[in-house]
Every structure is written in structure tokens, then in C-alpha cells.
Amino acid sequence: MEKIRLSKLMSAQGICSRREADGYIEKGWVLVDGKPVSELGTKIFEHQKITLNKSAQNQQETQVTFLLNKPISYVSGQAEDGYQPAVVLIKPENRWANDTAPQNFSAMNLRGLAPAGRLDIDSQGLLVLTQDGRVAKQLIGEDSPIEKEYLVRVTGKLVGNGLNMLNNGLSLDGKKLKPAKVTWLNDDQLRFILQEGKKRQIRRMCELVGLKVTGLKRVRIGKVKLGDLPVGQWRYLKEDERY
């Protein structure tokens, strides 16, 4: 039986992200079979029991997750080509007035904050930004079953069996896409429900069936809906919305 890197195993088991795991290991906050491990790169057997000490558990409990209605012209991650990252909108004055979460905003909320999934620069809607690697893994892990729902405005003429192809018959980058749920809402708007998120996936899917996307808005991730959250504003993920 082959040993596996501890941080990789922690991520695979949903304990935390690999980056967080390395930080916890360095601080001696990770126990393997009840014994602390503090050496980066440590490898263990898959059957060995991994636990976090109280300090790591407390740190995880203070991690926050934000829901942002990202406007067009902001990038999801790092700044690029002169465009600002969506995280710059996470500031007290942009908090939604109807946010009922008990947290008080603090600069500590921004430490290690990262988007869990992409939303293109020319798309708007629900973007999750989190300090919690467990949330990120749930949303963007390779085998994540979580649905993402989009409202997509289009122009052009759909090829004959285009709707069927959108649902279950397209490939991108030489790889077959997972089945989707695509339906017409009206003459120029489609609803897409996906379980994956390849780069510019919906726009590229539409191009393959004769359509051009003129507007794209993500309105749901899993059970969490964008709802009435105004463009450019944010709220905290609530306890009963945990991913």
C-alpha cells in the first residue's frame, strides 16, 4: 500500500484545502492517529486517522463566506488587463442592507479570501468568495455534484436539434461535457443548469449550435440563490445555507 501526502489526503477527505493543510501542519495543529505532525511533505497511509486540534478547529469556525452579485467588467480572481478583481467590492459600504447574518465586517474577513469558481468578466450574478477551503472544494472539486443555474440571453438561429445537443451532445476541448439541463424561458432567453464550469462554457456551447450569448447571469449555486441581492453588493453565507 502506497503512502499519500498528508495535505493531499486532508483535502480529499474534505477537512480543508491543501494550502490550509500545509499551514496547519507547519503549526503542529494536525494529528495523525492522535500524534501531532509538523513536517511539510509528510506522507501517511490512507487508513490512518487525521484530526485537527482545537486551534485549527477554532480557526475554521471563524472563516467566512461571502455571496456577491458580481457586476460585468470585474474579474473573478486576480486583477488582469486593467480590470479589478471582484474582491475589491467586499467592503462595508457594499454590504446589502437586508443581510440578516450576525457577523460584523472586519478586515480579517479578507485574509485569504478567494473565489470558489469563476464568472467571466462579461457575465454577472452570484459569485462565492470564501476563506474556507471546505466550501471551495464542495463547489469546484472535480467531482462536485453541485448545480449552477444561469439565465442566458441569446441571438441567432438554433440549429435543428440544437436544444438536444445542448442538453446532452456536445464536447469542448476534445472532451464530452456532462449532461446539462437547458430549456427555453422565452424567445431569446435560455435557462442553463450545469454541474461543471469549463472556461466560457455556456458561450462556447451556444456557438456550437448557432447562438450568440448577449447576456449571462448566474442565479443559483446549489441551494443558494442570488435572490434580491443587488448588483455590486454582498452578504454573508448564512448558517442554514452551508455547502
Protein backbone atom coordinates (compact mmCIF):
# COMPACT_ATOMS: atom_id res chain seq x y z
CA MET A 1 0.00 0.00 0.00
CA GLU A 2 1.40 3.37 -1.03
CA LYS A 3 1.60 6.37 1.27
CA ILE A 4 -0.09 9.64 0.28
CA ARG A 5 0.96 13.20 1.06
CA LEU A 6 -0.88 14.29 4.21
CA SER A 7 -2.07 17.64 2.82
CA LYS A 8 -3.46 15.92 -0.29
CA LEU A 9 -5.33 13.40 1.84
CA MET A 10 -6.75 16.15 4.07
CA SER A 11 -8.11 17.92 1.01
CA ALA A 12 -9.52 14.69 -0.45
CA GLN A 13 -11.31 13.98 2.86
CA GLY A 14 -12.82 17.48 2.88
CA ILE A 15 -11.02 18.52 6.07
CA CYS A 16 -9.61 21.69 4.49
CA SER A 17 -7.83 22.87 1.34
CA ARG A 18 -4.26 21.74 0.61
CA ARG A 19 -2.99 25.26 1.25
CA GLU A 20 -4.76 25.36 4.63
CA ALA A 21 -3.48 21.86 5.42
CA ASP A 22 0.13 22.96 4.90
CA GLY A 23 -0.44 25.90 7.25
CA TYR A 24 -1.99 23.68 9.92
CA ILE A 25 0.83 21.12 9.60
CA GLU A 26 3.50 23.82 9.99
CA LYS A 27 1.83 24.95 13.21
CA GLY A 28 1.59 21.40 14.55
CA TRP A 29 -2.20 21.53 14.51
CA VAL A 30 -2.69 18.23 12.64
CA LEU A 31 -2.83 14.88 14.44
CA VAL A 32 -2.30 11.53 12.71
CA ASP A 33 -3.51 8.63 14.84
CA GLY A 34 -3.53 11.06 17.75
CA LYS A 35 0.08 12.24 17.31
CA PRO A 36 0.95 15.77 16.09
CA VAL A 37 2.67 16.12 12.72
CA SER A 38 4.62 19.28 11.88
CA GLU A 39 6.75 18.37 8.88
CA LEU A 40 5.58 19.56 5.46
CA GLY A 41 5.55 16.80 2.87
CA THR A 42 4.73 14.10 5.42
CA LYS A 43 3.15 11.03 3.82
CA ILE A 44 0.77 8.63 5.55
CA PHE A 45 -1.40 5.65 4.71
CA GLU A 46 -4.97 6.32 3.61
CA HIS A 47 -6.44 4.34 6.50
CA GLN A 48 -4.71 6.43 9.19
CA LYS A 49 -6.94 8.77 11.19
CA ILE A 50 -6.47 12.53 10.66
CA THR A 51 -7.84 15.04 13.17
CA LEU A 52 -7.35 18.75 13.82
CA ASN A 53 -6.54 20.15 17.23
CA LYS A 54 -8.66 22.82 18.92
CA SER A 55 -6.69 25.74 17.48
CA ALA A 56 -7.34 24.62 13.91
CA GLN A 57 -11.00 23.92 14.68
CA ASN A 58 -11.40 27.40 16.16
CA GLN A 59 -9.79 28.98 13.11
CA GLN A 60 -12.15 27.10 10.80
CA GLU A 61 -15.15 28.28 12.81
CA THR A 62 -14.19 31.94 12.25
CA GLN A 63 -13.79 31.57 8.48
CA VAL A 64 -16.42 33.43 6.47
CA THR A 65 -18.01 33.03 3.05
CA PHE A 66 -19.46 35.90 1.04
CA LEU A 67 -22.11 35.89 -1.67
CA LEU A 68 -21.57 38.70 -4.18
CA ASN A 69 -23.70 39.83 -7.11
CA LYS A 70 -20.73 40.40 -9.40
CA PRO A 71 -21.20 43.17 -11.97
CA ILE A 72 -19.94 42.95 -15.54
CA SER A 73 -16.34 44.22 -16.04
CA TYR A 74 -14.95 42.70 -12.83
CA VAL A 75 -12.81 39.56 -12.97
CA SER A 76 -13.42 36.71 -10.54
CA GLY A 77 -9.82 36.16 -9.45
CA GLN A 78 -6.58 38.09 -9.85
CA ALA A 79 -6.62 41.53 -11.50
CA GLU A 80 -5.86 41.32 -15.22
CA ASP A 81 -5.61 43.72 -18.18
CA GLY A 82 -6.53 46.69 -16.03
CA TYR A 83 -9.74 45.09 -14.72
CA GLN A 84 -10.34 44.93 -10.98
CA PRO A 85 -10.97 41.67 -9.11
CA ALA A 86 -14.42 41.17 -7.62
CA VAL A 87 -12.94 41.01 -4.10
CA VAL A 88 -12.50 44.83 -4.11
CA LEU A 89 -16.29 45.06 -3.78
CA ILE A 90 -16.20 43.27 -0.42
CA LYS A 91 -16.19 46.37 1.78
CA PRO A 92 -18.58 47.63 4.47
CA GLU A 93 -20.41 50.16 2.30
CA ASN A 94 -21.36 47.45 -0.21
CA ARG A 95 -22.98 45.15 2.34
CA TRP A 96 -26.62 44.52 1.45
CA ALA A 97 -28.92 46.39 3.83
CA ASN A 98 -31.13 43.28 4.12
CA ASP A 99 -28.31 40.96 5.19
CA THR A 100 -29.52 39.28 8.39
CA ALA A 101 -26.26 37.49 9.24
CA PRO A 102 -24.94 38.31 12.75
CA GLN A 103 -21.32 38.93 11.69
CA ASN A 104 -19.76 42.37 11.88
CA PHE A 105 -17.46 43.03 8.93
CA SER A 106 -13.77 43.04 9.79
CA ALA A 107 -10.58 43.35 7.77
CA MET A 108 -9.78 39.81 8.98
CA ASN A 109 -12.63 38.62 6.73
CA LEU A 110 -10.48 39.47 3.70
CA ARG A 111 -7.44 37.43 4.71
CA GLY A 112 -7.01 34.50 2.33
CA LEU A 113 -10.34 35.26 0.66
CA ALA A 114 -10.64 33.60 -2.76
CA PRO A 115 -13.38 32.93 -5.33
CA ALA A 116 -14.84 29.43 -5.34
CA GLY A 117 -15.38 29.14 -9.07
CA ARG A 118 -15.23 31.58 -11.97
CA LEU A 119 -17.67 34.00 -13.50
CA ASP A 120 -16.46 35.58 -16.74
CA ILE A 121 -15.65 39.28 -16.93
CA ASP A 122 -18.65 39.90 -19.22
CA SER A 123 -21.04 37.89 -17.01
CA GLN A 124 -22.81 38.90 -13.83
CA GLY A 125 -24.52 37.26 -10.91
CA LEU A 126 -23.78 35.00 -7.97
CA LEU A 127 -20.11 34.65 -7.06
CA VAL A 128 -18.95 32.87 -3.89
CA LEU A 129 -15.81 34.17 -2.17
CA THR A 130 -14.59 32.20 0.81
CA GLN A 131 -11.82 31.76 3.37
CA ASP A 132 -12.95 28.17 3.88
CA GLY A 133 -11.23 25.53 1.77
CA ARG A 134 -14.03 23.08 2.56
CA VAL A 135 -16.54 25.35 0.81
CA ALA A 136 -14.23 25.81 -2.17
CA LYS A 137 -13.79 22.05 -2.54
CA GLN A 138 -17.55 21.46 -2.40
CA LEU A 139 -18.14 23.97 -5.19
CA ILE A 140 -15.22 23.45 -7.56
CA GLY A 141 -13.88 19.99 -6.77
CA GLU A 142 -13.57 17.84 -9.87
CA ASP A 143 -16.37 15.52 -8.74
CA SER A 144 -18.60 18.24 -7.29
CA PRO A 145 -22.28 17.40 -7.88
CA ILE A 146 -23.43 20.95 -7.11
CA GLU A 147 -25.62 22.57 -9.76
CA LYS A 148 -25.07 26.08 -11.08
CA GLU A 149 -28.04 27.83 -12.71
CA TYR A 150 -27.77 30.60 -15.31
CA LEU A 151 -30.17 32.83 -17.24
CA VAL A 152 -28.75 33.31 -20.73
CA ARG A 153 -29.93 35.83 -23.33
CA VAL A 154 -29.11 34.84 -26.91
CA THR A 155 -29.44 35.90 -30.54
CA GLY A 156 -29.20 33.79 -33.71
CA LYS A 157 -30.99 30.73 -35.01
CA LEU A 158 -30.72 27.42 -33.19
CA VAL A 159 -29.69 24.54 -35.45
CA GLY A 160 -32.25 21.78 -35.93
CA ASN A 161 -31.54 19.53 -32.93
CA GLY A 162 -29.59 22.23 -31.09
CA LEU A 163 -31.56 22.07 -27.84
CA ASN A 164 -31.00 18.34 -27.58
CA MET A 165 -27.29 18.86 -28.31
CA LEU A 166 -27.05 21.49 -25.56
CA ASN A 167 -28.58 19.05 -23.09
CA ASN A 168 -26.50 16.02 -23.93
CA GLY A 169 -24.41 16.00 -27.04
CA LEU A 170 -21.55 18.50 -27.06
CA SER A 171 -17.82 18.27 -26.47
CA LEU A 172 -15.34 21.04 -25.62
CA ASP A 173 -11.56 20.77 -25.83
CA GLY A 174 -11.91 17.20 -27.08
CA LYS A 175 -13.85 16.05 -24.02
CA LYS A 176 -17.55 15.22 -23.78
CA LEU A 177 -19.48 17.54 -21.47
CA LYS A 178 -21.58 16.28 -18.59
CA PRO A 179 -25.33 16.24 -19.30
CA ALA A 180 -26.90 19.69 -18.84
CA LYS A 181 -30.47 20.90 -18.29
CA VAL A 182 -31.22 23.58 -20.89
CA THR A 183 -34.72 24.96 -21.53
CA TRP A 184 -36.22 27.99 -23.26
CA LEU A 185 -37.70 30.63 -20.95
CA ASN A 186 -38.91 32.86 -23.79
CA ASP A 187 -37.97 33.72 -27.39
CA ASP A 188 -34.49 34.97 -26.58
CA GLN A 189 -33.63 33.53 -23.17
CA LEU A 190 -32.48 30.09 -22.04
CA ARG A 191 -32.04 28.57 -18.59
CA PHE A 192 -28.85 26.51 -18.18
CA ILE A 193 -28.25 24.19 -15.23
CA LEU A 194 -24.72 22.76 -15.20
CA GLN A 195 -22.61 20.57 -12.93
CA GLU A 196 -19.29 21.73 -14.32
CA GLY A 197 -17.67 25.03 -15.23
CA LYS A 198 -15.22 25.00 -18.09
CA LYS A 199 -13.86 28.35 -19.23
CA ARG A 200 -16.60 30.31 -21.05
CA GLN A 201 -18.52 27.04 -21.28
CA ILE A 202 -22.01 28.37 -21.93
CA ARG A 203 -20.86 30.87 -24.57
CA ARG A 204 -18.91 28.17 -26.37
CA MET A 205 -21.79 25.67 -26.14
CA CYS A 206 -24.15 28.21 -27.68
CA GLU A 207 -21.73 28.99 -30.52
CA LEU A 208 -21.71 25.29 -31.45
CA VAL A 209 -25.48 25.33 -32.04
CA GLY A 210 -25.77 28.65 -33.89
CA LEU A 211 -26.44 31.04 -30.99
CA LYS A 212 -24.55 34.04 -29.65
CA VAL A 213 -24.77 34.95 -25.96
CA THR A 214 -25.62 38.61 -25.33
CA GLY A 215 -26.17 38.37 -21.59
CA LEU A 216 -25.35 35.82 -18.89
CA LYS A 217 -26.36 35.86 -15.23
CA ARG A 218 -25.73 33.16 -12.61
CA VAL A 219 -28.73 32.97 -10.28
CA ARG A 220 -28.07 29.87 -8.16
CA ILE A 221 -25.25 27.69 -6.84
CA GLY A 222 -26.55 24.55 -5.16
CA LYS A 223 -29.42 25.53 -2.87
CA VAL A 224 -28.21 29.13 -2.53
CA LYS A 225 -29.98 31.64 -4.78
CA LEU A 226 -28.95 35.12 -5.84
CA GLY A 227 -32.44 36.31 -4.96
CA ASP A 228 -32.83 40.07 -4.49
CA LEU A 229 -29.16 40.76 -3.80
CA PRO A 230 -28.41 43.99 -5.74
CA VAL A 231 -25.63 44.19 -8.34
CA GLY A 232 -22.30 45.09 -6.72
CA GLN A 233 -23.47 44.22 -3.20
CA TRP A 234 -22.70 41.27 -0.93
CA ARG A 235 -23.97 39.34 2.05
CA TYR A 236 -22.64 36.62 4.31
CA LEU A 237 -23.48 32.97 3.67
CA LYS A 238 -25.90 32.03 6.46
CA GLU A 239 -25.63 29.05 8.80
CA ASP A 240 -28.61 27.29 7.20
CA GLU A 241 -27.10 27.72 3.72
CA ARG A 242 -23.91 25.76 4.40
CA TYR A 243 -22.49 23.96 1.39
